[in-house]
Structures are given as C-alpha cells and as structure tokens.
Amino acid sequence: HEGIHGDRYLKILNDNKQILIDKLKELDFTCVEYN
C-alpha cells in the first residue's frame, strides 16, 4: 500500500517535470546580463 503511494508520487513528479524544465530554461543570458 505504501509502495503504491510512492509510485503515485513518482508519476506526479514526472507528469509535472516540464514545469521545472521551463524554469531552468529561463537561465539563458547574454554575457553582459550574466556578469
């Protein structure tokens, strides 16, 4: 039963992964912006 809870949580993590990817893709700068 508890393992199925874990399986559900892992699926939720992967189903929503694109949200995290999009946030990481915001880290895209010119040299001046970064410095």
Full PDB file with SEQRES, HELIX, SHEET, SSBOND, CRYST1, ORIGX, SCALE, CONECT and MASTER records, all heavy atoms in Angstrom:
SEQRES   1 A   35  HIS GLU GLY ILE HIS GLY ASP ARG TYR LEU LYS ILE LEU          
SEQRES   2 A   35  ASN ASP ASN LYS GLN ILE LEU ILE ASP LYS LEU LYS GLU          
SEQRES   3 A   35  LEU ASP PHE THR CYS VAL GLU TYR ASN                          
HELIX    1 AA1 GLU A    2  ASP A   15  1                                  14    
HELIX    2 AA2 LYS A   17  LYS A   25  1                                   9    
HELIX    3 AA3 CYS A   31  TYR A   34  1                                   4    
CRYST1    1.000    1.000    1.000  90.00  90.00  90.00 P 1           1          
ORIGX1      1.000000  0.000000  0.000000        0.00000                         
ORIGX2      0.000000  1.000000  0.000000        0.00000                         
ORIGX3      0.000000  0.000000  1.000000        0.00000                         
SCALE1      1.000000  0.000000  0.000000        0.00000                         
SCALE2      0.000000  1.000000  0.000000        0.00000                         
SCALE3      0.000000  0.000000  1.000000        0.00000                         
ATOM      1  N   HIS A   1       0.835  -1.203   0.000  1.00  0.00           N  
ATOM      2  CA  HIS A   1       0.000   0.000   0.000  1.00  0.00           C  
ATOM      3  C   HIS A   1       0.870   1.253   0.000  1.00  0.00           C  
ATOM      4  O   HIS A   1       0.664   2.176  -0.809  1.00  0.00           O  
ATOM      5  CB  HIS A   1      -0.921  -0.016   1.220  1.00  0.00           C  
ATOM      6  CG  HIS A   1      -1.797   1.190   1.340  1.00  0.00           C  
ATOM      7  ND1 HIS A   1      -3.149   1.161   1.079  1.00  0.00           N  
ATOM      8  CD2 HIS A   1      -1.522   2.482   1.713  1.00  0.00           C  
ATOM      9  CE1 HIS A   1      -3.665   2.369   1.255  1.00  0.00           C  
ATOM     10  NE2 HIS A   1      -2.700   3.180   1.660  1.00  0.00           N  
ATOM     11  N   GLU A   2       1.860   1.297   0.891  1.00  0.00           N  
ATOM     12  CA  GLU A   2       2.722   2.480   0.962  1.00  0.00           C  
ATOM     13  C   GLU A   2       3.589   2.599  -0.288  1.00  0.00           C  
ATOM     14  O   GLU A   2       3.885   3.707  -0.746  1.00  0.00           O  
ATOM     15  CB  GLU A   2       3.589   2.433   2.220  1.00  0.00           C  
ATOM     16  CG  GLU A   2       2.803   2.341   3.520  1.00  0.00           C  
ATOM     17  CD  GLU A   2       1.693   3.374   3.626  1.00  0.00           C  
ATOM     18  OE1 GLU A   2       1.875   4.519   3.188  1.00  0.00           O  
ATOM     19  OE2 GLU A   2       0.607   3.031   4.142  1.00  0.00           O  
ATOM     20  N   GLY A   3       3.984   1.456  -0.856  1.00  0.00           N  
ATOM     21  CA  GLY A   3       4.752   1.497  -2.097  1.00  0.00           C  
ATOM     22  C   GLY A   3       3.959   2.068  -3.260  1.00  0.00           C  
ATOM     23  O   GLY A   3       4.506   2.764  -4.119  1.00  0.00           O  
ATOM     24  N   ILE A   4       2.658   1.802  -3.287  1.00  0.00           N  
ATOM     25  CA  ILE A   4       1.802   2.374  -4.339  1.00  0.00           C  
ATOM     26  C   ILE A   4       1.717   3.889  -4.170  1.00  0.00           C  
ATOM     27  O   ILE A   4       1.702   4.639  -5.156  1.00  0.00           O  
ATOM     28  CB  ILE A   4       0.407   1.715  -4.311  1.00  0.00           C  
ATOM     29  CG1 ILE A   4       0.522   0.247  -4.719  1.00  0.00           C  
ATOM     30  CG2 ILE A   4      -0.560   2.449  -5.238  1.00  0.00           C  
ATOM     31  CD1 ILE A   4      -0.755  -0.551  -4.531  1.00  0.00           C  
ATOM     32  N   HIS A   5       1.674   4.352  -2.921  1.00  0.00           N  
ATOM     33  CA  HIS A   5       1.754   5.802  -2.691  1.00  0.00           C  
ATOM     34  C   HIS A   5       3.025   6.369  -3.331  1.00  0.00           C  
ATOM     35  O   HIS A   5       2.998   7.423  -3.986  1.00  0.00           O  
ATOM     36  CB  HIS A   5       1.767   6.099  -1.192  1.00  0.00           C  
ATOM     37  CG  HIS A   5       0.416   6.171  -0.567  1.00  0.00           C  
ATOM     38  ND1 HIS A   5      -0.540   7.090  -0.931  1.00  0.00           N  
ATOM     39  CD2 HIS A   5      -0.147   5.436   0.432  1.00  0.00           C  
ATOM     40  CE1 HIS A   5      -1.629   6.927  -0.199  1.00  0.00           C  
ATOM     41  NE2 HIS A   5      -1.423   5.927   0.636  1.00  0.00           N  
ATOM     42  N   GLY A   6       4.141   5.682  -3.121  1.00  0.00           N  
ATOM     43  CA  GLY A   6       5.395   6.133  -3.711  1.00  0.00           C  
ATOM     44  C   GLY A   6       5.344   6.133  -5.226  1.00  0.00           C  
ATOM     45  O   GLY A   6       5.838   7.065  -5.882  1.00  0.00           O  
ATOM     46  N   ASP A   7       4.747   5.097  -5.807  1.00  0.00           N  
ATOM     47  CA  ASP A   7       4.603   5.038  -7.268  1.00  0.00           C  
ATOM     48  C   ASP A   7       3.792   6.224  -7.784  1.00  0.00           C  
ATOM     49  O   ASP A   7       4.115   6.822  -8.822  1.00  0.00           O  
ATOM     50  CB  ASP A   7       3.912   3.736  -7.681  1.00  0.00           C  
ATOM     51  CG  ASP A   7       4.724   2.496  -7.345  1.00  0.00           C  
ATOM     52  OD1 ASP A   7       5.938   2.623  -7.118  1.00  0.00           O  
ATOM     53  OD2 ASP A   7       4.134   1.400  -7.304  1.00  0.00           O  
ATOM     54  N   ARG A   8       2.720   6.561  -7.063  1.00  0.00           N  
ATOM     55  CA  ARG A   8       1.874   7.698  -7.457  1.00  0.00           C  
ATOM     56  C   ARG A   8       2.664   8.998  -7.408  1.00  0.00           C  
ATOM     57  O   ARG A   8       2.553   9.847  -8.305  1.00  0.00           O  
ATOM     58  CB  ARG A   8       0.665   7.808  -6.533  1.00  0.00           C  
ATOM     59  CG  ARG A   8      -0.412   6.746  -6.738  1.00  0.00           C  
ATOM     60  CD  ARG A   8      -1.603   7.003  -5.828  1.00  0.00           C  
ATOM     61  NE  ARG A   8      -2.165   8.329  -6.052  1.00  0.00           N  
ATOM     62  CZ  ARG A   8      -2.067   9.348  -5.189  1.00  0.00           C  
ATOM     63  NH1 ARG A   8      -1.433   9.201  -4.037  1.00  0.00           N  
ATOM     64  NH2 ARG A   8      -2.610  10.507  -5.458  1.00  0.00           N  
ATOM     65  N   TYR A   9       3.464   9.156  -6.363  1.00  0.00           N  
ATOM     66  CA  TYR A   9       4.231  10.392  -6.227  1.00  0.00           C  
ATOM     67  C   TYR A   9       5.272  10.518  -7.343  1.00  0.00           C  
ATOM     68  O   TYR A   9       5.439  11.600  -7.919  1.00  0.00           O  
ATOM     69  CB  TYR A   9       4.915  10.424  -4.862  1.00  0.00           C  
ATOM     70  CG  TYR A   9       5.705  11.686  -4.608  1.00  0.00           C  
ATOM     71  CD1 TYR A   9       5.099  12.940  -4.687  1.00  0.00           C  
ATOM     72  CD2 TYR A   9       7.057  11.628  -4.298  1.00  0.00           C  
ATOM     73  CE1 TYR A   9       5.830  14.101  -4.454  1.00  0.00           C  
ATOM     74  CE2 TYR A   9       7.784  12.785  -4.062  1.00  0.00           C  
ATOM     75  CZ  TYR A   9       7.168  14.019  -4.143  1.00  0.00           C  
ATOM     76  OH  TYR A   9       7.898  15.167  -3.922  1.00  0.00           O  
ATOM     77  N   LEU A  10       5.935   9.423  -7.675  1.00  0.00           N  
ATOM     78  CA  LEU A  10       6.915   9.461  -8.762  1.00  0.00           C  
ATOM     79  C   LEU A  10       6.242   9.828 -10.080  1.00  0.00           C  
ATOM     80  O   LEU A  10       6.801  10.596 -10.873  1.00  0.00           O  
ATOM     81  CB  LEU A  10       7.617   8.107  -8.871  1.00  0.00           C  
ATOM     82  CG  LEU A  10       8.668   7.987  -9.988  1.00  0.00           C  
ATOM     83  CD1 LEU A  10       9.758   9.037  -9.829  1.00  0.00           C  
ATOM     84  CD2 LEU A  10       9.270   6.590 -10.008  1.00  0.00           C  
ATOM     85  N   LYS A  11       5.049   9.310 -10.324  1.00  0.00           N  
ATOM     86  CA  LYS A  11       4.326   9.662 -11.544  1.00  0.00           C  
ATOM     87  C   LYS A  11       3.987  11.147 -11.562  1.00  0.00           C  
ATOM     88  O   LYS A  11       4.111  11.818 -12.604  1.00  0.00           O  
ATOM     89  CB  LYS A  11       3.043   8.832 -11.664  1.00  0.00           C  
ATOM     90  CG  LYS A  11       2.260   9.083 -12.957  1.00  0.00           C  
ATOM     91  CD  LYS A  11       1.041   8.206 -13.052  1.00  0.00           C  
ATOM     92  CE  LYS A  11       0.355   8.348 -14.410  1.00  0.00           C  
ATOM     93  NZ  LYS A  11      -0.060   9.725 -14.698  1.00  0.00           N  
ATOM     94  N   ILE A  12       3.571  11.689 -10.417  1.00  0.00           N  
ATOM     95  CA  ILE A  12       3.262  13.119 -10.340  1.00  0.00           C  
ATOM     96  C   ILE A  12       4.514  13.943 -10.604  1.00  0.00           C  
ATOM     97  O   ILE A  12       4.468  14.960 -11.327  1.00  0.00           O  
ATOM     98  CB  ILE A  12       2.661  13.460  -8.963  1.00  0.00           C  
ATOM     99  CG1 ILE A  12       1.266  12.844  -8.825  1.00  0.00           C  
ATOM    100  CG2 ILE A  12       2.592  14.973  -8.744  1.00  0.00           C  
ATOM    101  CD1 ILE A  12       0.706  12.880  -7.423  1.00  0.00           C  
ATOM    102  N   LEU A  13       5.656  13.528 -10.064  1.00  0.00           N  
ATOM    103  CA  LEU A  13       6.919  14.233 -10.319  1.00  0.00           C  
ATOM    104  C   LEU A  13       7.221  14.275 -11.813  1.00  0.00           C  
ATOM    105  O   LEU A  13       7.593  15.322 -12.358  1.00  0.00           O  
ATOM    106  CB  LEU A  13       8.064  13.545  -9.575  1.00  0.00           C  
ATOM    107  CG  LEU A  13       8.112  13.698  -8.054  1.00  0.00           C  
ATOM    108  CD1 LEU A  13       9.193  12.790  -7.464  1.00  0.00           C  
ATOM    109  CD2 LEU A  13       8.374  15.151  -7.636  1.00  0.00           C  
ATOM    110  N   ASN A  14       7.059  13.150 -12.482  1.00  0.00           N  
ATOM    111  CA  ASN A  14       7.376  13.096 -13.907  1.00  0.00           C  
ATOM    112  C   ASN A  14       6.329  13.800 -14.760  1.00  0.00           C  
ATOM    113  O   ASN A  14       6.659  14.431 -15.769  1.00  0.00           O  
ATOM    114  CB  ASN A  14       7.535  11.636 -14.347  1.00  0.00           C  
ATOM    115  CG  ASN A  14       8.875  11.054 -13.952  1.00  0.00           C  
ATOM    116  OD1 ASN A  14       9.913  11.643 -14.234  1.00  0.00           O  
ATOM    117  ND2 ASN A  14       8.869   9.924 -13.284  1.00  0.00           N  
ATOM    118  N   ASP A  15       5.052  13.714 -14.363  1.00  0.00           N  
ATOM    119  CA  ASP A  15       4.000  14.387 -15.125  1.00  0.00           C  
ATOM    120  C   ASP A  15       4.150  15.899 -15.104  1.00  0.00           C  
ATOM    121  O   ASP A  15       3.670  16.590 -16.020  1.00  0.00           O  
ATOM    122  CB  ASP A  15       2.623  14.010 -14.576  1.00  0.00           C  
ATOM    123  CG  ASP A  15       2.211  12.589 -14.932  1.00  0.00           C  
ATOM    124  OD1 ASP A  15       2.887  11.969 -15.775  1.00  0.00           O  
ATOM    125  OD2 ASP A  15       1.219  12.092 -14.362  1.00  0.00           O  
ATOM    126  N   ASN A  16       4.772  16.421 -14.060  1.00  0.00           N  
ATOM    127  CA  ASN A  16       4.917  17.878 -13.910  1.00  0.00           C  
ATOM    128  C   ASN A  16       6.347  18.362 -14.144  1.00  0.00           C  
ATOM    129  O   ASN A  16       6.665  19.523 -13.857  1.00  0.00           O  
ATOM    130  CB  ASN A  16       4.447  18.290 -12.511  1.00  0.00           C  
ATOM    131  CG  ASN A  16       2.950  18.146 -12.335  1.00  0.00           C  
ATOM    132  OD1 ASN A  16       2.188  19.050 -12.631  1.00  0.00           O  
ATOM    133  ND2 ASN A  16       2.520  16.983 -11.861  1.00  0.00           N  
ATOM    134  N   LYS A  17       7.175  17.502 -14.659  1.00  0.00           N  
ATOM    135  CA  LYS A  17       8.596  17.814 -14.840  1.00  0.00           C  
ATOM    136  C   LYS A  17       8.823  18.993 -15.779  1.00  0.00           C  
ATOM    137  O   LYS A  17       9.780  19.762 -15.600  1.00  0.00           O  
ATOM    138  CB  LYS A  17       9.317  16.565 -15.351  1.00  0.00           C  
ATOM    139  CG  LYS A  17      10.809  16.687 -15.436  1.00  0.00           C  
ATOM    140  CD  LYS A  17      11.442  15.318 -15.724  1.00  0.00           C  
ATOM    141  CE  LYS A  17      11.098  14.812 -17.096  1.00  0.00           C  
ATOM    142  NZ  LYS A  17      11.855  13.567 -17.432  1.00  0.00           N  
ATOM    143  N   GLN A  18       7.955  19.149 -16.770  1.00  0.00           N  
ATOM    144  CA  GLN A  18       8.154  20.212 -17.748  1.00  0.00           C  
ATOM    145  C   GLN A  18       8.124  21.592 -17.089  1.00  0.00           C  
ATOM    146  O   GLN A  18       8.803  22.526 -17.550  1.00  0.00           O  
ATOM    147  CB  GLN A  18       7.085  20.132 -18.846  1.00  0.00           C  
ATOM    148  CG  GLN A  18       7.347  21.056 -20.025  1.00  0.00           C  
ATOM    149  CD  GLN A  18       8.638  20.750 -20.749  1.00  0.00           C  
ATOM    150  OE1 GLN A  18       8.935  19.586 -21.024  1.00  0.00           O  
ATOM    151  NE2 GLN A  18       9.419  21.784 -21.052  1.00  0.00           N  
ATOM    152  N   ILE A  19       7.363  21.716 -16.007  1.00  0.00           N  
ATOM    153  CA  ILE A  19       7.327  22.994 -15.281  1.00  0.00           C  
ATOM    154  C   ILE A  19       8.708  23.348 -14.764  1.00  0.00           C  
ATOM    155  O   ILE A  19       9.157  24.502 -14.864  1.00  0.00           O  
ATOM    156  CB  ILE A  19       6.319  22.905 -14.115  1.00  0.00           C  
ATOM    157  CG1 ILE A  19       4.904  22.702 -14.648  1.00  0.00           C  
ATOM    158  CG2 ILE A  19       6.385  24.148 -13.229  1.00  0.00           C  
ATOM    159  CD1 ILE A  19       3.891  22.369 -13.584  1.00  0.00           C  
ATOM    160  N   LEU A  20       9.403  22.366 -14.217  1.00  0.00           N  
ATOM    161  CA  LEU A  20      10.761  22.598 -13.720  1.00  0.00           C  
ATOM    162  C   LEU A  20      11.722  22.874 -14.870  1.00  0.00           C  
ATOM    163  O   LEU A  20      12.568  23.778 -14.786  1.00  0.00           O  
ATOM    164  CB  LEU A  20      11.225  21.381 -12.917  1.00  0.00           C  
ATOM    165  CG  LEU A  20      12.639  21.427 -12.342  1.00  0.00           C  
ATOM    166  CD1 LEU A  20      12.833  22.637 -11.441  1.00  0.00           C  
ATOM    167  CD2 LEU A  20      12.943  20.129 -11.572  1.00  0.00           C  
ATOM    168  N   ILE A  21      11.583  22.134 -15.953  1.00  0.00           N  
ATOM    169  CA  ILE A  21      12.448  22.349 -17.121  1.00  0.00           C  
ATOM    170  C   ILE A  21      12.301  23.777 -17.642  1.00  0.00           C  
ATOM    171  O   ILE A  21      13.288  24.459 -17.952  1.00  0.00           O  
ATOM    172  CB  ILE A  21      12.111  21.332 -18.228  1.00  0.00           C  
ATOM    173  CG1 ILE A  21      12.517  19.926 -17.788  1.00  0.00           C  
ATOM    174  CG2 ILE A  21      12.807  21.700 -19.542  1.00  0.00           C  
ATOM    175  CD1 ILE A  21      12.065  18.822 -18.735  1.00  0.00           C  
ATOM    176  N   ASP A  22      11.062  24.257 -17.719  1.00  0.00           N  
ATOM    177  CA  ASP A  22      10.826  25.614 -18.216  1.00  0.00           C  
ATOM    178  C   ASP A  22      11.471  26.658 -17.309  1.00  0.00           C  
ATOM    179  O   ASP A  22      11.984  27.678 -17.794  1.00  0.00           O  
ATOM    180  CB  ASP A  22       9.326  25.877 -18.334  1.00  0.00           C  
ATOM    181  CG  ASP A  22       8.667  25.064 -19.439  1.00  0.00           C  
ATOM    182  OD1 ASP A  22       9.399  24.566 -20.317  1.00  0.00           O  
ATOM    183  OD2 ASP A  22       7.426  24.926 -19.419  1.00  0.00           O  
ATOM    184  N   LYS A  23      11.450  26.423 -15.994  1.00  0.00           N  
ATOM    185  CA  LYS A  23      12.097  27.359 -15.067  1.00  0.00           C  
ATOM    186  C   LYS A  23      13.616  27.358 -15.263  1.00  0.00           C  
ATOM    187  O   LYS A  23      14.259  28.417 -15.211  1.00  0.00           O  
ATOM    188  CB  LYS A  23      11.750  26.993 -13.634  1.00  0.00           C  
ATOM    189  CG  LYS A  23      10.296  27.205 -13.260  1.00  0.00           C  
ATOM    190  CD  LYS A  23       9.902  28.677 -13.325  1.00  0.00           C  
ATOM    191  CE  LYS A  23      10.584  29.501 -12.257  1.00  0.00           C  
ATOM    192  NZ  LYS A  23      10.118  30.919 -12.268  1.00  0.00           N  
ATOM    193  N   LEU A  24      14.193  26.201 -15.503  1.00  0.00           N  
ATOM    194  CA  LEU A  24      15.639  26.133 -15.729  1.00  0.00           C  
ATOM    195  C   LEU A  24      16.021  26.804 -17.048  1.00  0.00           C  
ATOM    196  O   LEU A  24      17.091  27.416 -17.160  1.00  0.00           O  
ATOM    197  CB  LEU A  24      16.097  24.676 -15.726  1.00  0.00           C  
ATOM    198  CG  LEU A  24      15.951  23.924 -14.403  1.00  0.00           C  
ATOM    199  CD1 LEU A  24      16.385  22.478 -14.557  1.00  0.00           C  
ATOM    200  CD2 LEU A  24      16.747  24.598 -13.296  1.00  0.00           C  
ATOM    201  N   LYS A  25      15.139  26.710 -18.035  1.00  0.00           N  
ATOM    202  CA  LYS A  25      15.435  27.325 -19.331  1.00  0.00           C  
ATOM    203  C   LYS A  25      15.421  28.851 -19.271  1.00  0.00           C  
ATOM    204  O   LYS A  25      15.895  29.506 -20.206  1.00  0.00           O  
ATOM    205  CB  LYS A  25      14.433  26.828 -20.378  1.00  0.00           C  
ATOM    206  CG  LYS A  25      14.697  25.405 -20.845  1.00  0.00           C  
ATOM    207  CD  LYS A  25      13.741  24.988 -21.946  1.00  0.00           C  
ATOM    208  CE  LYS A  25      14.100  23.622 -22.493  1.00  0.00           C  
ATOM    209  NZ  LYS A  25      13.201  23.204 -23.603  1.00  0.00           N  
ATOM    210  N   GLU A  26      14.893  29.411 -18.197  1.00  0.00           N  
ATOM    211  CA  GLU A  26      14.973  30.860 -18.017  1.00  0.00           C  
ATOM    212  C   GLU A  26      16.405  31.317 -17.777  1.00  0.00           C  
ATOM    213  O   GLU A  26      16.713  32.503 -17.927  1.00  0.00           O  
ATOM    214  CB  GLU A  26      14.088  31.288 -16.842  1.00  0.00           C  
ATOM    215  CG  GLU A  26      12.599  31.089 -17.087  1.00  0.00           C  
ATOM    216  CD  GLU A  26      11.760  31.440 -15.869  1.00  0.00           C  
ATOM    217  OE1 GLU A  26      12.351  31.911 -14.862  1.00  0.00           O  
ATOM    218  OE2 GLU A  26      10.532  31.238 -15.906  1.00  0.00           O  
ATOM    219  N   LEU A  27      17.267  30.403 -17.422  1.00  0.00           N  
ATOM    220  CA  LEU A  27      18.679  30.725 -17.187  1.00  0.00           C  
ATOM    221  C   LEU A  27      19.409  30.748 -18.521  1.00  0.00           C  
ATOM    222  O   LEU A  27      20.170  29.854 -18.875  1.00  0.00           O  
ATOM    223  CB  LEU A  27      19.296  29.699 -16.241  1.00  0.00           C  
ATOM    224  CG  LEU A  27      18.681  29.654 -14.841  1.00  0.00           C  
ATOM    225  CD1 LEU A  27      19.202  28.457 -14.061  1.00  0.00           C  
ATOM    226  CD2 LEU A  27      18.979  30.946 -14.084  1.00  0.00           C  
ATOM    227  N   ASP A  28      19.200  31.802 -19.268  1.00  0.00           N  
ATOM    228  CA  ASP A  28      19.741  31.953 -20.622  1.00  0.00           C  
ATOM    229  C   ASP A  28      20.002  33.443 -20.821  1.00  0.00           C  
ATOM    230  O   ASP A  28      19.065  34.229 -20.985  1.00  0.00           O  
ATOM    231  CB  ASP A  28      18.734  31.411 -21.629  1.00  0.00           C  
ATOM    232  CG  ASP A  28      19.242  31.475 -23.061  1.00  0.00           C  
ATOM    233  OD1 ASP A  28      20.247  32.176 -23.328  1.00  0.00           O  
ATOM    234  OD2 ASP A  28      18.629  30.830 -23.926  1.00  0.00           O  
ATOM    235  N   PHE A  29      21.278  33.858 -20.790  1.00  0.00           N  
ATOM    236  CA  PHE A  29      21.613  35.278 -20.743  1.00  0.00           C  
ATOM    237  C   PHE A  29      22.656  35.653 -21.792  1.00  0.00           C  
ATOM    238  O   PHE A  29      23.372  34.791 -22.312  1.00  0.00           O  
ATOM    239  CB  PHE A  29      22.187  35.650 -19.359  1.00  0.00           C  
ATOM    240  CG  PHE A  29      21.408  35.113 -18.212  1.00  0.00           C  
ATOM    241  CD1 PHE A  29      21.967  34.196 -17.341  1.00  0.00           C  
ATOM    242  CD2 PHE A  29      20.102  35.523 -17.988  1.00  0.00           C  
ATOM    243  CE1 PHE A  29      21.254  33.706 -16.266  1.00  0.00           C  
ATOM    244  CE2 PHE A  29      19.373  35.040 -16.916  1.00  0.00           C  
ATOM    245  CZ  PHE A  29      19.952  34.117 -16.053  1.00  0.00           C  
ATOM    246  N   THR A  30      22.716  36.958 -22.036  1.00  0.00           N  
ATOM    247  CA  THR A  30      23.895  37.480 -22.725  1.00  0.00           C  
ATOM    248  C   THR A  30      25.024  37.550 -21.710  1.00  0.00           C  
ATOM    249  O   THR A  30      24.802  37.454 -20.486  1.00  0.00           O  
ATOM    250  CB  THR A  30      23.641  38.876 -23.284  1.00  0.00           C  
ATOM    251  OG1 THR A  30      23.437  39.789 -22.185  1.00  0.00           O  
ATOM    252  CG2 THR A  30      22.431  38.899 -24.206  1.00  0.00           C  
ATOM    253  N   CYS A  31      26.215  37.744 -22.192  1.00  0.00           N  
ATOM    254  CA  CYS A  31      27.367  37.846 -21.301  1.00  0.00           C  
ATOM    255  C   CYS A  31      27.198  39.013 -20.340  1.00  0.00           C  
ATOM    256  O   CYS A  31      27.469  38.897 -19.137  1.00  0.00           O  
ATOM    257  CB  CYS A  31      28.633  38.014 -22.130  1.00  0.00           C  
ATOM    258  SG  CYS A  31      30.145  38.110 -21.147  1.00  0.00           S  
ATOM    259  N   VAL A  32      26.708  40.145 -20.846  1.00  0.00           N  
ATOM    260  CA  VAL A  32      26.544  41.337 -20.010  1.00  0.00           C  
ATOM    261  C   VAL A  32      25.484  41.093 -18.946  1.00  0.00           C  
ATOM    262  O   VAL A  32      25.654  41.443 -17.779  1.00  0.00           O  
ATOM    263  CB  VAL A  32      26.168  42.564 -20.876  1.00  0.00           C  
ATOM    264  CG1 VAL A  32      25.819  43.755 -19.989  1.00  0.00           C  
ATOM    265  CG2 VAL A  32      27.322  42.913 -21.809  1.00  0.00           C  
ATOM    266  N   GLU A  33      24.359  40.469 -19.336  1.00  0.00           N  
ATOM    267  CA  GLU A  33      23.307  40.174 -18.368  1.00  0.00           C  
ATOM    268  C   GLU A  33      23.825  39.306 -17.238  1.00  0.00           C  
ATOM    269  O   GLU A  33      23.531  39.545 -16.056  1.00  0.00           O  
ATOM    270  CB  GLU A  33      22.139  39.460 -19.069  1.00  0.00           C  
ATOM    271  CG  GLU A  33      21.309  40.359 -19.959  1.00  0.00           C  
ATOM    272  CD  GLU A  33      20.303  39.565 -20.779  1.00  0.00           C  
ATOM    273  OE1 GLU A  33      20.526  38.360 -21.010  1.00  0.00           O  
ATOM    274  OE2 GLU A  33      19.296  40.172 -21.189  1.00  0.00           O  
ATOM    275  N   TYR A  34      24.592  38.278 -17.598  1.00  0.00           N  
ATOM    276  CA  TYR A  34      25.098  37.369 -16.568  1.00  0.00           C  
ATOM    277  C   TYR A  34      26.057  38.085 -15.618  1.00  0.00           C  
ATOM    278  O   TYR A  34      25.950  37.973 -14.400  1.00  0.00           O  
ATOM    279  CB  TYR A  34      25.801  36.171 -17.204  1.00  0.00           C  
ATOM    280  CG  TYR A  34      26.481  35.287 -16.182  1.00  0.00           C  
ATOM    281  CD1 TYR A  34      25.737  34.620 -15.215  1.00  0.00           C  
ATOM    282  CD2 TYR A  34      27.871  35.146 -16.168  1.00  0.00           C  
ATOM    283  CE1 TYR A  34      26.352  33.814 -14.264  1.00  0.00           C  
ATOM    284  CE2 TYR A  34      28.490  34.348 -15.222  1.00  0.00           C  
ATOM    285  CZ  TYR A  34      27.726  33.685 -14.267  1.00  0.00           C  
ATOM    286  OH  TYR A  34      28.340  32.908 -13.323  1.00  0.00           O  
ATOM    287  N   ASN A  35      26.966  38.832 -16.173  1.00  0.00           N  
ATOM    288  CA  ASN A  35      28.001  39.470 -15.346  1.00  0.00           C  
ATOM    289  C   ASN A  35      27.491  40.641 -14.523  1.00  0.00           C  
ATOM    290  O   ASN A  35      27.968  40.876 -13.417  1.00  0.00           O  
ATOM    291  CB  ASN A  35      29.168  39.937 -16.227  1.00  0.00           C  
ATOM    292  CG  ASN A  35      30.072  38.785 -16.634  1.00  0.00           C  
ATOM    293  OD1 ASN A  35      30.423  37.950 -15.812  1.00  0.00           O  
ATOM    294  ND2 ASN A  35      30.427  38.741 -17.906  1.00  0.00           N  
TER     295      ASN A  35                                                      
MASTER        0    0    0    3    0    0    0    6  294    1    0    3          
END                                                                             
